[in-house]
Amino acid sequence: MADEAWRDMPKRMSHAVAAKAVEHIGNHAERHGLSVVDVILHGGEPLLAGADWLAELVGLLHDQVPARVNVSVQTNGTLLSRAMLETLNSLRVSIGVSLDGDAEATNRHRRYPNGRNSFDAVAEGLHLLQSPEFRSCYSV
C-alpha cells in the first residue's frame, strides 16, 4: 500500500512555481547578505525536467539572485546523454551521480517502467561524464 500519489503529479514544477522559488532564494540571499548560494536539484530525477527547462531555471537563478549561484544536480545517471551534458556544461552545473551498484544491483533497484535494466544507460552516462569534455562537471 505504498503511496502512489506522485503518479498524478506533474513531472516538474511549473514555470510560475520555479520563478517564485527563485524569488524566495533571491530574497533570502539579500536579507542575509549572502555572497554565494548553492542550489542542489535532487529528489526524483531532476534531469527529467529536460535541458531547456533546466537552462531556464539556471538562467533565472543567475539573473535574479543577488549572489554567486552554484547549481548542481544529483542524478541516477540514466539521462546523462551528450546533449544533456553539453547543456549542463555550458551552464556550469556540477553533476553528482547516485549509483545502485553493479549490473545485478541496478537490475534490482533501478529498472525502467518496462522492466528493463538501466545499468547500460548509467554506464554510458558515466563514461561520457568522465571524458575530458565533461570531466569538469563531475562533482565528487
N, C-alpha and C. Protein backbone atom coordinates (compact mmCIF):
# COMPACT_ATOMS: atom_id res chain seq x y z
N MET A 1 0.82 -1.19 0.00
CA MET A 1 0.00 0.00 0.00
C MET A 1 0.87 1.25 0.00
N ALA A 2 1.92 1.22 -0.81
CA ALA A 2 2.80 2.38 -0.90
C ALA A 2 2.05 3.56 -1.51
N ASP A 3 2.44 4.76 -1.09
CA ASP A 3 1.84 5.99 -1.61
C ASP A 3 2.21 6.16 -3.08
N GLU A 4 1.23 6.23 -3.93
CA GLU A 4 1.47 6.42 -5.36
C GLU A 4 0.85 7.71 -5.87
N ALA A 5 0.65 8.67 -4.98
CA ALA A 5 0.07 9.96 -5.36
C ALA A 5 0.94 10.68 -6.39
N TRP A 6 2.23 10.38 -6.40
CA TRP A 6 3.16 11.00 -7.34
C TRP A 6 2.77 10.74 -8.79
N ARG A 7 2.08 9.66 -9.03
CA ARG A 7 1.71 9.31 -10.42
C ARG A 7 0.81 10.37 -11.05
N ASP A 8 0.03 11.07 -10.24
CA ASP A 8 -0.89 12.09 -10.76
C ASP A 8 -0.32 13.50 -10.70
N MET A 9 0.92 13.62 -10.28
CA MET A 9 1.54 14.94 -10.17
C MET A 9 2.33 15.27 -11.43
N PRO A 10 2.54 16.56 -11.68
CA PRO A 10 3.35 16.96 -12.84
C PRO A 10 4.77 16.43 -12.69
N LYS A 11 5.44 16.21 -13.82
CA LYS A 11 6.80 15.70 -13.79
C LYS A 11 7.82 16.76 -13.36
N ARG A 12 7.42 18.00 -13.42
CA ARG A 12 8.31 19.08 -12.98
C ARG A 12 7.45 20.23 -12.48
N MET A 13 8.08 21.12 -11.72
CA MET A 13 7.33 22.27 -11.22
C MET A 13 7.01 23.21 -12.37
N SER A 14 5.94 23.93 -12.25
CA SER A 14 5.54 24.87 -13.29
C SER A 14 6.53 26.03 -13.34
N HIS A 15 6.50 26.77 -14.44
CA HIS A 15 7.37 27.95 -14.57
C HIS A 15 7.05 28.96 -13.48
N ALA A 16 5.77 29.10 -13.13
CA ALA A 16 5.37 30.05 -12.09
C ALA A 16 5.94 29.64 -10.73
N VAL A 17 5.89 28.36 -10.42
CA VAL A 17 6.43 27.88 -9.14
C VAL A 17 7.95 28.04 -9.13
N ALA A 18 8.60 27.73 -10.23
CA ALA A 18 10.06 27.89 -10.31
C ALA A 18 10.45 29.35 -10.13
N ALA A 19 9.72 30.25 -10.78
CA ALA A 19 10.01 31.68 -10.66
C ALA A 19 9.82 32.15 -9.21
N LYS A 20 8.80 31.65 -8.55
CA LYS A 20 8.55 32.02 -7.15
C LYS A 20 9.66 31.47 -6.25
N ALA A 21 10.11 30.26 -6.51
CA ALA A 21 11.21 29.68 -5.73
C ALA A 21 12.47 30.52 -5.90
N VAL A 22 12.76 30.92 -7.13
CA VAL A 22 13.93 31.77 -7.39
C VAL A 22 13.78 33.10 -6.66
N GLU A 23 12.59 33.66 -6.67
CA GLU A 23 12.34 34.92 -5.95
C GLU A 23 12.64 34.76 -4.46
N HIS A 24 12.17 33.66 -3.88
CA HIS A 24 12.41 33.42 -2.45
C HIS A 24 13.90 33.24 -2.17
N ILE A 25 14.60 32.53 -3.04
CA ILE A 25 16.04 32.34 -2.86
C ILE A 25 16.75 33.69 -2.93
N GLY A 26 16.36 34.52 -3.90
CA GLY A 26 16.95 35.85 -4.03
C GLY A 26 16.69 36.71 -2.81
N ASN A 27 15.46 36.69 -2.32
CA ASN A 27 15.11 37.47 -1.12
C ASN A 27 15.91 37.00 0.10
N HIS A 28 16.05 35.69 0.23
CA HIS A 28 16.81 35.13 1.34
C HIS A 28 18.28 35.56 1.26
N ALA A 29 18.85 35.46 0.07
CA ALA A 29 20.26 35.85 -0.11
C ALA A 29 20.46 37.32 0.23
N GLU A 30 19.54 38.16 -0.22
CA GLU A 30 19.64 39.60 0.05
C GLU A 30 19.46 39.91 1.53
N ARG A 31 18.44 39.31 2.13
CA ARG A 31 18.13 39.57 3.55
C ARG A 31 19.29 39.16 4.46
N HIS A 32 20.02 38.11 4.08
CA HIS A 32 21.10 37.60 4.93
C HIS A 32 22.49 37.98 4.42
N GLY A 33 22.54 38.82 3.39
CA GLY A 33 23.82 39.29 2.89
C GLY A 33 24.72 38.18 2.37
N LEU A 34 24.12 37.20 1.73
CA LEU A 34 24.91 36.07 1.23
C LEU A 34 25.63 36.45 -0.05
N SER A 35 26.88 36.05 -0.16
CA SER A 35 27.63 36.30 -1.38
C SER A 35 27.61 35.09 -2.30
N VAL A 36 27.31 33.92 -1.74
CA VAL A 36 27.26 32.67 -2.51
C VAL A 36 26.04 31.87 -2.07
N VAL A 37 25.35 31.29 -3.03
CA VAL A 37 24.21 30.42 -2.77
C VAL A 37 24.42 29.12 -3.56
N ASP A 38 24.27 28.00 -2.88
CA ASP A 38 24.34 26.70 -3.55
C ASP A 38 22.93 26.16 -3.72
N VAL A 39 22.58 25.81 -4.94
CA VAL A 39 21.27 25.22 -5.25
C VAL A 39 21.53 23.82 -5.78
N ILE A 40 20.97 22.82 -5.10
CA ILE A 40 21.15 21.43 -5.50
C ILE A 40 19.79 20.87 -5.91
N LEU A 41 19.70 20.45 -7.15
CA LEU A 41 18.47 19.84 -7.67
C LEU A 41 18.58 18.33 -7.49
N HIS A 42 17.68 17.77 -6.69
CA HIS A 42 17.71 16.34 -6.43
C HIS A 42 16.32 15.87 -6.06
N GLY A 43 16.18 14.62 -5.78
CA GLY A 43 14.88 14.07 -5.42
C GLY A 43 14.13 13.69 -6.67
N GLY A 44 13.71 12.48 -6.77
CA GLY A 44 13.18 12.03 -8.05
C GLY A 44 14.34 12.04 -9.02
N GLU A 45 14.15 12.55 -10.19
CA GLU A 45 15.21 12.65 -11.19
C GLU A 45 15.13 14.01 -11.85
N PRO A 46 15.98 14.97 -11.43
CA PRO A 46 15.88 16.34 -11.95
C PRO A 46 16.09 16.45 -13.45
N LEU A 47 16.81 15.53 -14.06
CA LEU A 47 17.05 15.62 -15.50
C LEU A 47 15.80 15.31 -16.31
N LEU A 48 14.78 14.73 -15.68
CA LEU A 48 13.51 14.51 -16.37
C LEU A 48 12.85 15.82 -16.78
N ALA A 49 13.22 16.91 -16.12
CA ALA A 49 12.65 18.22 -16.46
C ALA A 49 13.05 18.65 -17.86
N GLY A 50 14.16 18.14 -18.35
CA GLY A 50 14.63 18.47 -19.70
C GLY A 50 15.66 19.59 -19.69
N ALA A 51 16.52 19.56 -20.69
CA ALA A 51 17.62 20.52 -20.78
C ALA A 51 17.12 21.96 -20.90
N ASP A 52 16.08 22.19 -21.70
CA ASP A 52 15.58 23.56 -21.88
C ASP A 52 15.03 24.12 -20.58
N TRP A 53 14.26 23.32 -19.85
CA TRP A 53 13.69 23.78 -18.59
C TRP A 53 14.79 24.05 -17.57
N LEU A 54 15.79 23.16 -17.50
CA LEU A 54 16.90 23.37 -16.58
C LEU A 54 17.67 24.64 -16.94
N ALA A 55 17.87 24.87 -18.24
CA ALA A 55 18.58 26.08 -18.68
C ALA A 55 17.80 27.33 -18.28
N GLU A 56 16.50 27.28 -18.40
CA GLU A 56 15.68 28.42 -18.00
C GLU A 56 15.78 28.67 -16.49
N LEU A 57 15.72 27.62 -15.71
CA LEU A 57 15.82 27.75 -14.25
C LEU A 57 17.18 28.32 -13.86
N VAL A 58 18.25 27.78 -14.41
CA VAL A 58 19.59 28.26 -14.08
C VAL A 58 19.74 29.72 -14.50
N GLY A 59 19.20 30.07 -15.65
CA GLY A 59 19.23 31.47 -16.09
C GLY A 59 18.53 32.39 -15.12
N LEU A 60 17.36 31.98 -14.65
CA LEU A 60 16.62 32.78 -13.65
C LEU A 60 17.44 32.94 -12.37
N LEU A 61 18.05 31.86 -11.92
CA LEU A 61 18.85 31.93 -10.70
C LEU A 61 20.00 32.92 -10.86
N HIS A 62 20.70 32.86 -11.98
CA HIS A 62 21.83 33.75 -12.19
C HIS A 62 21.38 35.20 -12.39
N ASP A 63 20.24 35.40 -13.01
CA ASP A 63 19.75 36.75 -13.28
C ASP A 63 19.12 37.43 -12.07
N GLN A 64 18.47 36.63 -11.20
CA GLN A 64 17.64 37.24 -10.16
C GLN A 64 18.14 37.08 -8.73
N VAL A 65 19.15 36.28 -8.53
CA VAL A 65 19.67 36.11 -7.17
C VAL A 65 20.90 37.01 -7.03
N PRO A 66 20.88 37.91 -6.03
CA PRO A 66 21.97 38.87 -5.87
C PRO A 66 23.19 38.26 -5.17
N ALA A 67 23.66 37.12 -5.68
CA ALA A 67 24.82 36.42 -5.14
C ALA A 67 25.34 35.51 -6.24
N ARG A 68 26.54 35.00 -6.05
CA ARG A 68 27.01 33.97 -6.98
C ARG A 68 26.22 32.69 -6.70
N VAL A 69 25.66 32.09 -7.72
CA VAL A 69 24.85 30.89 -7.55
C VAL A 69 25.58 29.69 -8.16
N ASN A 70 25.84 28.70 -7.32
CA ASN A 70 26.41 27.44 -7.78
C ASN A 70 25.27 26.44 -7.87
N VAL A 71 25.07 25.89 -9.05
CA VAL A 71 23.97 24.93 -9.25
C VAL A 71 24.57 23.55 -9.49
N SER A 72 23.98 22.57 -8.83
CA SER A 72 24.37 21.18 -9.08
C SER A 72 23.12 20.31 -9.16
N VAL A 73 23.27 19.18 -9.82
CA VAL A 73 22.19 18.20 -9.89
C VAL A 73 22.71 16.88 -9.35
N GLN A 74 21.83 16.15 -8.71
CA GLN A 74 22.12 14.80 -8.26
C GLN A 74 21.21 13.90 -9.09
N THR A 75 21.81 13.03 -9.87
CA THR A 75 21.07 12.22 -10.83
C THR A 75 21.36 10.74 -10.64
N ASN A 76 20.48 9.90 -11.14
CA ASN A 76 20.75 8.47 -11.12
C ASN A 76 21.56 8.05 -12.35
N GLY A 77 21.83 8.98 -13.24
CA GLY A 77 22.72 8.74 -14.38
C GLY A 77 22.08 8.22 -15.64
N THR A 78 20.81 7.87 -15.60
CA THR A 78 20.19 7.26 -16.78
C THR A 78 19.99 8.25 -17.93
N LEU A 79 19.96 9.53 -17.64
CA LEU A 79 19.69 10.54 -18.67
C LEU A 79 20.92 11.39 -19.01
N LEU A 80 22.10 10.91 -18.69
CA LEU A 80 23.32 11.65 -19.00
C LEU A 80 23.75 11.42 -20.45
N SER A 81 23.00 11.99 -21.33
CA SER A 81 23.32 11.92 -22.76
C SER A 81 24.31 13.03 -23.11
N ARG A 82 24.90 12.95 -24.28
CA ARG A 82 25.80 14.00 -24.75
C ARG A 82 25.09 15.36 -24.77
N ALA A 83 23.86 15.39 -25.28
CA ALA A 83 23.13 16.66 -25.36
C ALA A 83 22.87 17.24 -23.98
N MET A 84 22.47 16.40 -23.03
CA MET A 84 22.22 16.89 -21.67
C MET A 84 23.52 17.39 -21.05
N LEU A 85 24.59 16.65 -21.23
CA LEU A 85 25.88 17.07 -20.66
C LEU A 85 26.38 18.36 -21.30
N GLU A 86 26.16 18.53 -22.59
CA GLU A 86 26.56 19.78 -23.24
C GLU A 86 25.82 20.96 -22.63
N THR A 87 24.52 20.78 -22.39
CA THR A 87 23.74 21.85 -21.77
C THR A 87 24.22 22.14 -20.36
N LEU A 88 24.35 21.11 -19.54
CA LEU A 88 24.77 21.31 -18.16
C LEU A 88 26.18 21.91 -18.09
N ASN A 89 27.06 21.47 -18.97
CA ASN A 89 28.42 22.01 -19.01
C ASN A 89 28.39 23.50 -19.38
N SER A 90 27.59 23.85 -20.36
CA SER A 90 27.52 25.26 -20.79
C SER A 90 26.94 26.15 -19.68
N LEU A 91 26.12 25.58 -18.82
CA LEU A 91 25.52 26.31 -17.69
C LEU A 91 26.40 26.27 -16.43
N ARG A 92 27.50 25.55 -16.51
CA ARG A 92 28.41 25.36 -15.37
C ARG A 92 27.70 24.70 -14.18
N VAL A 93 26.85 23.73 -14.50
CA VAL A 93 26.15 22.95 -13.48
C VAL A 93 27.01 21.74 -13.14
N SER A 94 27.27 21.54 -11.86
CA SER A 94 28.03 20.36 -11.47
C SER A 94 27.07 19.18 -11.30
N ILE A 95 27.62 17.98 -11.47
CA ILE A 95 26.80 16.78 -11.53
C ILE A 95 27.31 15.74 -10.55
N GLY A 96 26.42 15.25 -9.70
CA GLY A 96 26.69 14.12 -8.84
C GLY A 96 25.82 12.96 -9.29
N VAL A 97 26.35 11.75 -9.18
CA VAL A 97 25.62 10.57 -9.64
C VAL A 97 25.45 9.61 -8.47
N SER A 98 24.20 9.22 -8.22
CA SER A 98 23.89 8.23 -7.20
C SER A 98 23.82 6.87 -7.89
N LEU A 99 24.63 5.95 -7.43
CA LEU A 99 24.70 4.63 -8.06
C LEU A 99 24.08 3.57 -7.17
N ASP A 100 23.48 2.57 -7.81
CA ASP A 100 22.91 1.45 -7.08
C ASP A 100 23.89 0.30 -6.97
N GLY A 101 24.98 0.33 -7.74
CA GLY A 101 25.96 -0.74 -7.71
C GLY A 101 26.19 -1.30 -9.09
N ASP A 102 26.56 -2.57 -9.13
CA ASP A 102 26.85 -3.24 -10.39
C ASP A 102 25.55 -3.55 -11.15
N ALA A 103 25.69 -4.25 -12.27
CA ALA A 103 24.51 -4.54 -13.11
C ALA A 103 23.44 -5.30 -12.34
N GLU A 104 23.85 -6.23 -11.49
CA GLU A 104 22.87 -7.02 -10.73
C GLU A 104 22.10 -6.15 -9.74
N ALA A 105 22.81 -5.30 -9.01
CA ALA A 105 22.15 -4.41 -8.04
C ALA A 105 21.25 -3.42 -8.76
N THR A 106 21.73 -2.88 -9.87
CA THR A 106 20.93 -1.93 -10.65
C THR A 106 19.67 -2.61 -11.16
N ASN A 107 19.78 -3.85 -11.57
CA ASN A 107 18.62 -4.60 -12.05
C ASN A 107 17.59 -4.76 -10.94
N ARG A 108 18.03 -4.87 -9.71
CA ARG A 108 17.10 -5.00 -8.58
C ARG A 108 16.44 -3.67 -8.23
N HIS A 109 17.19 -2.57 -8.33
CA HIS A 109 16.73 -1.30 -7.77
C HIS A 109 16.41 -0.21 -8.78
N ARG A 110 16.85 -0.32 -10.00
CA ARG A 110 16.70 0.79 -10.94
C ARG A 110 16.30 0.26 -12.31
N ARG A 111 15.06 -0.16 -12.42
CA ARG A 111 14.54 -0.64 -13.71
C ARG A 111 13.70 0.44 -14.35
N TYR A 112 13.65 0.37 -15.66
CA TYR A 112 12.75 1.25 -16.40
C TYR A 112 11.32 0.73 -16.19
N PRO A 113 10.32 1.57 -16.45
CA PRO A 113 8.93 1.12 -16.29
C PRO A 113 8.61 -0.17 -17.07
N ASN A 114 9.32 -0.39 -18.18
CA ASN A 114 9.07 -1.61 -18.96
C ASN A 114 9.80 -2.82 -18.39
N GLY A 115 10.49 -2.65 -17.24
CA GLY A 115 11.18 -3.75 -16.58
C GLY A 115 12.62 -3.93 -17.00
N ARG A 116 13.06 -3.20 -18.01
CA ARG A 116 14.44 -3.33 -18.50
C ARG A 116 15.43 -2.70 -17.52
N ASN A 117 16.60 -3.30 -17.40
CA ASN A 117 17.66 -2.81 -16.53
C ASN A 117 18.25 -1.53 -17.10
N SER A 118 18.53 -0.55 -16.24
CA SER A 118 19.07 0.73 -16.69
C SER A 118 20.59 0.79 -16.60
N PHE A 119 21.24 -0.29 -16.23
CA PHE A 119 22.69 -0.28 -15.99
C PHE A 119 23.48 0.22 -17.20
N ASP A 120 23.14 -0.23 -18.40
CA ASP A 120 23.90 0.18 -19.59
C ASP A 120 23.82 1.68 -19.82
N ALA A 121 22.65 2.27 -19.60
CA ALA A 121 22.49 3.73 -19.77
C ALA A 121 23.31 4.48 -18.74
N VAL A 122 23.31 3.99 -17.50
CA VAL A 122 24.10 4.63 -16.44
C VAL A 122 25.59 4.52 -16.76
N ALA A 123 26.04 3.34 -17.17
CA ALA A 123 27.46 3.14 -17.51
C ALA A 123 27.88 4.05 -18.66
N GLU A 124 27.03 4.18 -19.66
CA GLU A 124 27.35 5.07 -20.79
C GLU A 124 27.39 6.53 -20.34
N GLY A 125 26.44 6.92 -19.51
CA GLY A 125 26.44 8.29 -18.99
C GLY A 125 27.67 8.59 -18.17
N LEU A 126 28.09 7.64 -17.34
CA LEU A 126 29.31 7.83 -16.54
C LEU A 126 30.55 7.92 -17.43
N HIS A 127 30.57 7.10 -18.46
CA HIS A 127 31.69 7.15 -19.42
C HIS A 127 31.78 8.54 -20.06
N LEU A 128 30.66 9.08 -20.49
CA LEU A 128 30.64 10.43 -21.06
C LEU A 128 31.08 11.47 -20.03
N LEU A 129 30.56 11.34 -18.82
CA LEU A 129 30.87 12.30 -17.77
C LEU A 129 32.36 12.30 -17.42
N GLN A 130 33.00 11.16 -17.54
CA GLN A 130 34.42 11.06 -17.24
C GLN A 130 35.31 11.49 -18.40
N SER A 131 34.73 11.75 -19.56
CA SER A 131 35.53 12.16 -20.72
C SER A 131 36.12 13.55 -20.47
N PRO A 132 37.23 13.86 -21.13
CA PRO A 132 37.84 15.19 -20.95
C PRO A 132 36.86 16.34 -21.21
N GLU A 133 35.94 16.14 -22.13
CA GLU A 133 34.98 17.18 -22.50
C GLU A 133 34.07 17.58 -21.33
N PHE A 134 33.70 16.62 -20.50
CA PHE A 134 32.71 16.87 -19.45
C PHE A 134 33.24 16.65 -18.02
N ARG A 135 34.47 16.24 -17.89
CA ARG A 135 35.03 15.91 -16.56
C ARG A 135 34.90 17.05 -15.57
N SER A 136 34.96 18.29 -16.04
CA SER A 136 34.88 19.44 -15.12
C SER A 136 33.50 19.57 -14.48
N CYS A 137 32.50 18.93 -15.04
CA CYS A 137 31.13 18.97 -14.47
C CYS A 137 30.98 18.03 -13.29
N TYR A 138 31.80 17.00 -13.26
CA TYR A 138 31.62 15.92 -12.29
C TYR A 138 31.99 16.39 -10.90
N SER A 139 31.04 16.29 -9.96
CA SER A 139 31.34 16.64 -8.57
C SER A 139 31.52 15.36 -7.78
N VAL A 140 32.59 15.31 -7.09
CA VAL A 140 32.94 14.10 -6.33
C VAL A 140 32.38 14.18 -4.94
